[in-house]
Amino acid sequence: MVNKYKYERVKTLKISVILGHPYEKSFNHAIAQTVLEKLTQNGHEVFYHDLYKEKFDPIITGKELVENISDDKLVEKHCSEIKEADGIVIIHPNWWGQPPAILKGWIDRVLQPKVAYDFSENDTGGGVPDGLLRAKMAIVFNTSNTPEKREMEVFGDPLETIWKNCVFDFCGVKNFYRKMYRVIADSTYDQRQKWLEEVGETIGNIFRRNRMRAFLINKRMS
């Protein structure tokens, strides 16, 4: 009897990373860079989009809204990638308790019927949709200049409801994690570095390393 090892590669994940912030030196960009580095380090395939840099058009036309078909090649690319994604990471600031307009437009144009959700055959749109996204996990990283106590007592943290319930649960993504970093305006360099380390750890723990895994096989030799 001899022992042999059969090696099998752990599945490479496809992760969509969407950044919505116009300033290239922002902490949001630092978060996005940390996410990209960690995902690449762990051997995953990344679909990365800096919406402002690629000049994503957030305006949906009446024709596109009614027909659910876009003539915009960039929108088609986003739709194709989000359907394939095993995980989704969104990065944006808290502006008026909402995502920036460009990111809201991304939701309107990319998470469309037949791509992210659909209704049953006899449902004209008034019922509960079926989520179509294959992603098993969604992560949202936010930044804010509002202290947590005021955010919760005065505003009620609308971003949690928007992303968790209105977007991802609606589209079939049941596993959700969101982290808000604040107060950015008052943060020190050391504090931001600690936050970035936490971002990397979060990504590493949720989307684990693509590695070779050994399975022991017992084979009787004659």
C-alpha atoms as a PDB file:
ATOM      1  CA  MET A   1       0.000   0.000   0.000  1.00  0.00           C
ATOM      2  CA  VAL A   2       1.401   3.393  -0.964  1.00  0.00           C
ATOM      3  CA  ASN A   3       0.035   6.838  -0.452  1.00  0.00           C
ATOM      4  CA  LYS A   4      -0.323   9.176  -3.378  1.00  0.00           C
ATOM      5  CA  TYR A   5      -1.545  12.727  -3.477  1.00  0.00           C
ATOM      6  CA  LYS A   6      -3.951  14.104  -6.025  1.00  0.00           C
ATOM      7  CA  TYR A   7      -3.843  17.877  -6.323  1.00  0.00           C
ATOM      8  CA  GLU A   8      -6.899  19.902  -7.198  1.00  0.00           C
ATOM      9  CA  ARG A   9      -6.991  23.659  -7.641  1.00  0.00           C
ATOM     10  CA  VAL A  10      -9.521  25.545  -5.550  1.00  0.00           C
ATOM     11  CA  LYS A  11     -11.944  27.401  -7.802  1.00  0.00           C
ATOM     12  CA  THR A  12     -10.865  30.816  -9.035  1.00  0.00           C
ATOM     13  CA  LEU A  13     -13.605  33.316  -8.289  1.00  0.00           C
ATOM     14  CA  LYS A  14     -14.779  36.081 -10.576  1.00  0.00           C
ATOM     15  CA  ILE A  15     -15.215  39.271  -8.567  1.00  0.00           C
ATOM     16  CA  SER A  16     -16.776  42.523  -9.804  1.00  0.00           C
ATOM     17  CA  VAL A  17     -15.285  45.603  -8.153  1.00  0.00           C
ATOM     18  CA  ILE A  18     -17.107  48.896  -8.735  1.00  0.00           C
ATOM     19  CA  LEU A  19     -15.678  52.244  -7.578  1.00  0.00           C
ATOM     20  CA  GLY A  20     -17.771  55.398  -7.475  1.00  0.00           C
ATOM     21  CA  HIS A  21     -15.605  58.384  -6.491  1.00  0.00           C
ATOM     22  CA  PRO A  22     -14.304  61.178  -8.757  1.00  0.00           C
ATOM     23  CA  TYR A  23     -11.106  62.124  -6.884  1.00  0.00           C
ATOM     24  CA  GLU A  24      -8.128  59.882  -7.655  1.00  0.00           C
ATOM     25  CA  LYS A  25      -6.383  60.627  -4.337  1.00  0.00           C
ATOM     26  CA  SER A  26      -9.452  59.852  -2.234  1.00  0.00           C
ATOM     27  CA  PHE A  27      -9.545  57.234   0.485  1.00  0.00           C
ATOM     28  CA  ASN A  28     -12.114  55.434  -1.663  1.00  0.00           C
ATOM     29  CA  HIS A  29      -9.446  54.942  -4.310  1.00  0.00           C
ATOM     30  CA  ALA A  30      -7.066  53.632  -1.644  1.00  0.00           C
ATOM     31  CA  ILE A  31      -9.732  51.134  -0.570  1.00  0.00           C
ATOM     32  CA  ALA A  32     -10.256  50.050  -4.177  1.00  0.00           C
ATOM     33  CA  GLN A  33      -6.512  49.563  -4.690  1.00  0.00           C
ATOM     34  CA  THR A  34      -6.298  47.457  -1.529  1.00  0.00           C
ATOM     35  CA  VAL A  35      -9.227  45.319  -2.691  1.00  0.00           C
ATOM     36  CA  LEU A  36      -7.660  44.787  -6.118  1.00  0.00           C
ATOM     37  CA  GLU A  37      -4.267  43.864  -4.669  1.00  0.00           C
ATOM     38  CA  LYS A  38      -5.764  41.351  -2.236  1.00  0.00           C
ATOM     39  CA  LEU A  39      -8.003  39.694  -4.816  1.00  0.00           C
ATOM     40  CA  THR A  40      -5.136  39.436  -7.304  1.00  0.00           C
ATOM     41  CA  GLN A  41      -2.807  38.111  -4.606  1.00  0.00           C
ATOM     42  CA  ASN A  42      -5.379  35.406  -3.827  1.00  0.00           C
ATOM     43  CA  GLY A  43      -5.535  34.361  -7.469  1.00  0.00           C
ATOM     44  CA  HIS A  44      -9.015  35.575  -8.362  1.00  0.00           C
ATOM     45  CA  GLU A  45     -10.225  37.066 -11.636  1.00  0.00           C
ATOM     46  CA  VAL A  46     -11.278  40.690 -11.201  1.00  0.00           C
ATOM     47  CA  PHE A  47     -13.697  42.806 -13.236  1.00  0.00           C
ATOM     48  CA  TYR A  48     -12.704  46.316 -12.119  1.00  0.00           C
ATOM     49  CA  HIS A  49     -14.492  49.521 -13.052  1.00  0.00           C
ATOM     50  CA  ASP A  50     -13.697  53.050 -11.903  1.00  0.00           C
ATOM     51  CA  LEU A  51     -16.967  54.581 -13.099  1.00  0.00           C
ATOM     52  CA  TYR A  52     -15.715  58.162 -13.262  1.00  0.00           C
ATOM     53  CA  LYS A  53     -12.471  57.268 -15.013  1.00  0.00           C
ATOM     54  CA  GLU A  54     -14.245  55.243 -17.683  1.00  0.00           C
ATOM     55  CA  LYS A  55     -16.909  57.978 -18.015  1.00  0.00           C
ATOM     56  CA  PHE A  56     -19.845  55.669 -17.374  1.00  0.00           C
ATOM     57  CA  ASP A  57     -23.052  57.362 -18.531  1.00  0.00           C
ATOM     58  CA  PRO A  58     -25.596  57.129 -15.674  1.00  0.00           C
ATOM     59  CA  ILE A  59     -28.541  58.388 -17.737  1.00  0.00           C
ATOM     60  CA  ILE A  60     -31.005  55.713 -18.798  1.00  0.00           C
ATOM     61  CA  THR A  61     -33.102  56.478 -21.876  1.00  0.00           C
ATOM     62  CA  GLY A  62     -36.816  55.846 -22.205  1.00  0.00           C
ATOM     63  CA  LYS A  63     -36.169  53.224 -24.870  1.00  0.00           C
ATOM     64  CA  GLU A  64     -33.631  51.412 -22.721  1.00  0.00           C
ATOM     65  CA  LEU A  65     -35.988  51.492 -19.745  1.00  0.00           C
ATOM     66  CA  VAL A  66     -38.874  49.980 -21.698  1.00  0.00           C
ATOM     67  CA  GLU A  67     -36.971  47.472 -23.829  1.00  0.00           C
ATOM     68  CA  ASN A  68     -34.279  46.482 -21.289  1.00  0.00           C
ATOM     69  CA  ILE A  69     -31.758  46.579 -24.103  1.00  0.00           C
ATOM     70  CA  SER A  70     -28.909  49.074 -24.262  1.00  0.00           C
ATOM     71  CA  ASP A  71     -27.015  50.357 -27.297  1.00  0.00           C
ATOM     72  CA  ASP A  72     -24.187  51.395 -24.972  1.00  0.00           C
ATOM     73  CA  LYS A  73     -21.331  48.887 -25.344  1.00  0.00           C
ATOM     74  CA  LEU A  74     -19.959  49.739 -21.913  1.00  0.00           C
ATOM     75  CA  VAL A  75     -23.316  48.986 -20.303  1.00  0.00           C
ATOM     76  CA  GLU A  76     -23.437  45.677 -22.177  1.00  0.00           C
ATOM     77  CA  LYS A  77     -19.967  44.846 -20.848  1.00  0.00           C
ATOM     78  CA  HIS A  78     -21.030  45.622 -17.275  1.00  0.00           C
ATOM     79  CA  CYS A  79     -24.183  43.509 -17.649  1.00  0.00           C
ATOM     80  CA  SER A  80     -22.210  40.573 -18.999  1.00  0.00           C
ATOM     81  CA  GLU A  81     -19.658  40.725 -16.190  1.00  0.00           C
ATOM     82  CA  ILE A  82     -22.135  41.140 -13.341  1.00  0.00           C
ATOM     83  CA  LYS A  83     -24.010  38.042 -14.516  1.00  0.00           C
ATOM     84  CA  GLU A  84     -20.788  36.018 -14.314  1.00  0.00           C
ATOM     85  CA  ALA A  85     -19.565  37.409 -10.996  1.00  0.00           C
ATOM     86  CA  ASP A  86     -19.232  35.086  -8.007  1.00  0.00           C
ATOM     87  CA  GLY A  87     -18.825  38.095  -5.721  1.00  0.00           C
ATOM     88  CA  ILE A  88     -19.382  41.856  -5.848  1.00  0.00           C
ATOM     89  CA  VAL A  89     -17.493  44.669  -4.112  1.00  0.00           C
ATOM     90  CA  ILE A  90     -18.857  48.236  -4.197  1.00  0.00           C
ATOM     91  CA  ILE A  91     -16.855  51.245  -2.966  1.00  0.00           C
ATOM     92  CA  HIS A  92     -18.307  54.750  -2.629  1.00  0.00           C
ATOM     93  CA  PRO A  93     -18.731  57.736  -0.295  1.00  0.00           C
ATOM     94  CA  ASN A  94     -21.888  58.589   1.619  1.00  0.00           C
ATOM     95  CA  TRP A  95     -23.363  61.563  -0.251  1.00  0.00           C
ATOM     96  CA  TRP A  96     -26.683  62.775   1.159  1.00  0.00           C
ATOM     97  CA  GLY A  97     -27.324  59.293   2.530  1.00  0.00           C
ATOM     98  CA  GLN A  98     -27.065  57.855  -0.991  1.00  0.00           C
ATOM     99  CA  PRO A  99     -24.493  56.616  -3.493  1.00  0.00           C
ATOM    100  CA  PRO A 100     -23.122  59.230  -5.927  1.00  0.00           C
ATOM    101  CA  ALA A 101     -25.350  59.829  -8.969  1.00  0.00           C
ATOM    102  CA  ILE A 102     -23.020  57.935 -11.299  1.00  0.00           C
ATOM    103  CA  LEU A 103     -23.350  54.816  -9.138  1.00  0.00           C
ATOM    104  CA  LYS A 104     -27.128  55.178  -8.903  1.00  0.00           C
ATOM    105  CA  GLY A 105     -27.133  55.314 -12.697  1.00  0.00           C
ATOM    106  CA  TRP A 106     -25.032  52.148 -12.759  1.00  0.00           C
ATOM    107  CA  ILE A 107     -27.701  50.406 -10.666  1.00  0.00           C
ATOM    108  CA  ASP A 108     -30.451  51.660 -12.992  1.00  0.00           C
ATOM    109  CA  ARG A 109     -28.706  50.620 -16.199  1.00  0.00           C
ATOM    110  CA  VAL A 110     -26.795  47.466 -15.225  1.00  0.00           C
ATOM    111  CA  LEU A 111     -28.984  45.729 -12.632  1.00  0.00           C
ATOM    112  CA  GLN A 112     -31.817  45.510 -15.117  1.00  0.00           C
ATOM    113  CA  PRO A 113     -34.537  42.871 -15.681  1.00  0.00           C
ATOM    114  CA  LYS A 114     -33.272  39.618 -17.243  1.00  0.00           C
ATOM    115  CA  VAL A 115     -29.812  40.466 -15.887  1.00  0.00           C
ATOM    116  CA  ALA A 116     -30.232  40.926 -12.126  1.00  0.00           C
ATOM    117  CA  TYR A 117     -33.857  39.950 -11.544  1.00  0.00           C
ATOM    118  CA  ASP A 118     -37.049  38.879 -13.284  1.00  0.00           C
ATOM    119  CA  PHE A 119     -40.720  38.336 -12.558  1.00  0.00           C
ATOM    120  CA  SER A 120     -42.687  35.141 -13.052  1.00  0.00           C
ATOM    121  CA  GLU A 121     -44.533  34.598 -16.318  1.00  0.00           C
ATOM    122  CA  ASN A 122     -47.888  35.937 -15.148  1.00  0.00           C
ATOM    123  CA  ASP A 123     -46.468  38.752 -13.028  1.00  0.00           C
ATOM    124  CA  THR A 124     -46.589  42.152 -14.736  1.00  0.00           C
ATOM    125  CA  GLY A 125     -44.207  43.678 -12.221  1.00  0.00           C
ATOM    126  CA  GLY A 126     -46.251  44.091  -9.070  1.00  0.00           C
ATOM    127  CA  GLY A 127     -45.113  40.951  -7.311  1.00  0.00           C
ATOM    128  CA  VAL A 128     -41.919  39.750  -5.723  1.00  0.00           C
ATOM    129  CA  PRO A 129     -39.151  39.201  -8.295  1.00  0.00           C
ATOM    130  CA  ASP A 130     -36.749  36.315  -8.602  1.00  0.00           C
ATOM    131  CA  GLY A 131     -33.131  37.384  -8.117  1.00  0.00           C
ATOM    132  CA  LEU A 132     -30.908  36.257 -10.981  1.00  0.00           C
ATOM    133  CA  LEU A 133     -27.407  37.234  -9.893  1.00  0.00           C
ATOM    134  CA  ARG A 134     -25.156  34.224  -9.294  1.00  0.00           C
ATOM    135  CA  ALA A 135     -22.960  36.107  -6.814  1.00  0.00           C
ATOM    136  CA  LYS A 136     -22.946  34.493  -3.384  1.00  0.00           C
ATOM    137  CA  MET A 137     -21.533  37.504  -1.540  1.00  0.00           C
ATOM    138  CA  ALA A 138     -21.686  41.289  -1.810  1.00  0.00           C
ATOM    139  CA  ILE A 139     -19.467  43.714   0.086  1.00  0.00           C
ATOM    140  CA  VAL A 140     -19.913  47.484   0.298  1.00  0.00           C
ATOM    141  CA  PHE A 141     -17.216  49.797   1.642  1.00  0.00           C
ATOM    142  CA  ASN A 142     -18.354  53.343   2.414  1.00  0.00           C
ATOM    143  CA  THR A 143     -16.726  56.509   3.690  1.00  0.00           C
ATOM    144  CA  SER A 144     -18.411  59.315   5.592  1.00  0.00           C
ATOM    145  CA  ASN A 145     -17.786  62.547   7.464  1.00  0.00           C
ATOM    146  CA  THR A 146     -20.823  62.006   9.689  1.00  0.00           C
ATOM    147  CA  PRO A 147     -20.165  60.562  13.164  1.00  0.00           C
ATOM    148  CA  GLU A 148     -21.825  57.211  13.759  1.00  0.00           C
ATOM    149  CA  LYS A 149     -24.067  58.459  16.597  1.00  0.00           C
ATOM    150  CA  ARG A 150     -25.549  61.222  14.463  1.00  0.00           C
ATOM    151  CA  GLU A 151     -25.864  58.910  11.452  1.00  0.00           C
ATOM    152  CA  MET A 152     -27.931  56.398  13.393  1.00  0.00           C
ATOM    153  CA  GLU A 153     -30.011  58.809  15.487  1.00  0.00           C
ATOM    154  CA  VAL A 154     -30.776  61.397  12.811  1.00  0.00           C
ATOM    155  CA  PHE A 155     -30.546  59.608   9.464  1.00  0.00           C
ATOM    156  CA  GLY A 156     -31.032  55.932  10.321  1.00  0.00           C
ATOM    157  CA  ASP A 157     -28.206  54.669   8.087  1.00  0.00           C
ATOM    158  CA  PRO A 158     -30.097  54.666   4.749  1.00  0.00           C
ATOM    159  CA  LEU A 159     -27.169  53.114   2.866  1.00  0.00           C
ATOM    160  CA  GLU A 160     -27.612  49.855   4.780  1.00  0.00           C
ATOM    161  CA  THR A 161     -31.224  49.612   3.616  1.00  0.00           C
ATOM    162  CA  ILE A 162     -30.420  50.638   0.054  1.00  0.00           C
ATOM    163  CA  TRP A 163     -27.672  48.098  -0.530  1.00  0.00           C
ATOM    164  CA  LYS A 164     -28.760  45.204   1.658  1.00  0.00           C
ATOM    165  CA  ASN A 165     -32.500  45.167   1.018  1.00  0.00           C
ATOM    166  CA  CYS A 166     -33.300  47.326  -1.996  1.00  0.00           C
ATOM    167  CA  VAL A 167     -30.439  46.141  -4.209  1.00  0.00           C
ATOM    168  CA  PHE A 168     -28.720  42.890  -3.305  1.00  0.00           C
ATOM    169  CA  ASP A 169     -31.523  40.957  -1.616  1.00  0.00           C
ATOM    170  CA  PHE A 170     -33.807  42.052  -4.473  1.00  0.00           C
ATOM    171  CA  CYS A 171     -31.312  40.625  -6.975  1.00  0.00           C
ATOM    172  CA  GLY A 172     -30.821  37.322  -5.131  1.00  0.00           C
ATOM    173  CA  VAL A 173     -27.562  38.009  -3.281  1.00  0.00           C
ATOM    174  CA  LYS A 174     -28.326  36.900   0.269  1.00  0.00           C
ATOM    175  CA  ASN A 175     -24.904  37.199   1.897  1.00  0.00           C
ATOM    176  CA  PHE A 176     -24.012  40.827   2.549  1.00  0.00           C
ATOM    177  CA  TYR A 177     -21.349  42.739   4.463  1.00  0.00           C
ATOM    178  CA  ARG A 178     -20.961  46.491   4.697  1.00  0.00           C
ATOM    179  CA  LYS A 179     -18.387  48.638   6.471  1.00  0.00           C
ATOM    180  CA  MET A 180     -18.430  52.415   6.914  1.00  0.00           C
ATOM    181  CA  TYR A 181     -15.150  54.226   7.579  1.00  0.00           C
ATOM    182  CA  ARG A 182     -15.512  57.539   9.395  1.00  0.00           C
ATOM    183  CA  VAL A 183     -14.834  60.366  10.078  1.00  0.00           C
ATOM    184  CA  ILE A 184     -12.535  60.675   7.043  1.00  0.00           C
ATOM    185  CA  ALA A 185     -11.973  64.426   7.393  1.00  0.00           C
ATOM    186  CA  ASP A 186     -10.617  64.007  10.924  1.00  0.00           C
ATOM    187  CA  SER A 187      -8.681  60.773  10.377  1.00  0.00           C
ATOM    188  CA  THR A 188      -4.915  60.487  10.663  1.00  0.00           C
ATOM    189  CA  TYR A 189      -2.538  58.719   8.296  1.00  0.00           C
ATOM    190  CA  ASP A 190      -2.038  55.914  10.818  1.00  0.00           C
ATOM    191  CA  GLN A 191      -5.783  55.479  11.234  1.00  0.00           C
ATOM    192  CA  ARG A 192      -6.305  55.225   7.479  1.00  0.00           C
ATOM    193  CA  GLN A 193      -3.512  52.673   7.223  1.00  0.00           C
ATOM    194  CA  LYS A 194      -5.224  50.552   9.889  1.00  0.00           C
ATOM    195  CA  TRP A 195      -8.489  50.820   7.995  1.00  0.00           C
ATOM    196  CA  LEU A 196      -6.818  49.655   4.785  1.00  0.00           C
ATOM    197  CA  GLU A 197      -5.336  46.693   6.630  1.00  0.00           C
ATOM    198  CA  GLU A 198      -8.841  45.840   7.803  1.00  0.00           C
ATOM    199  CA  VAL A 199     -10.137  46.089   4.219  1.00  0.00           C
ATOM    200  CA  GLY A 200      -7.465  43.652   3.067  1.00  0.00           C
ATOM    201  CA  GLU A 201      -8.240  41.236   5.886  1.00  0.00           C
ATOM    202  CA  THR A 202     -11.965  41.388   5.130  1.00  0.00           C
ATOM    203  CA  ILE A 203     -11.434  40.640   1.443  1.00  0.00           C
ATOM    204  CA  GLY A 204      -8.959  37.883   2.263  1.00  0.00           C
ATOM    205  CA  ASN A 205     -11.300  36.208   4.742  1.00  0.00           C
ATOM    206  CA  ILE A 206     -14.376  36.344   2.525  1.00  0.00           C
ATOM    207  CA  PHE A 207     -12.739  35.578  -0.817  1.00  0.00           C
ATOM    208  CA  ARG A 208     -10.087  33.082   0.224  1.00  0.00           C
ATOM    209  CA  ARG A 209      -6.814  32.344  -1.491  1.00  0.00           C
ATOM    210  CA  ASN A 210      -6.804  30.281  -4.660  1.00  0.00           C
ATOM    211  CA  ARG A 211      -4.372  27.536  -3.778  1.00  0.00           C
ATOM    212  CA  MET A 212      -3.443  23.938  -4.510  1.00  0.00           C
ATOM    213  CA  ARG A 213      -5.211  21.517  -2.224  1.00  0.00           C
ATOM    214  CA  ALA A 214      -3.960  17.957  -1.671  1.00  0.00           C
ATOM    215  CA  PHE A 215      -6.213  14.938  -1.340  1.00  0.00           C
ATOM    216  CA  LEU A 216      -4.742  11.730   0.008  1.00  0.00           C
ATOM    217  CA  ILE A 217      -5.454   8.687  -2.125  1.00  0.00           C
ATOM    218  CA  ASN A 218      -4.848   5.176  -0.840  1.00  0.00           C
ATOM    219  CA  LYS A 219      -4.083   2.860  -3.697  1.00  0.00           C
ATOM    220  CA  ARG A 220      -3.262  -0.822  -3.372  1.00  0.00           C
ATOM    221  CA  MET A 221      -0.233  -1.704  -5.444  1.00  0.00           C
ATOM    222  CA  SER A 222       0.187  -5.230  -6.826  1.00  0.00           C
END
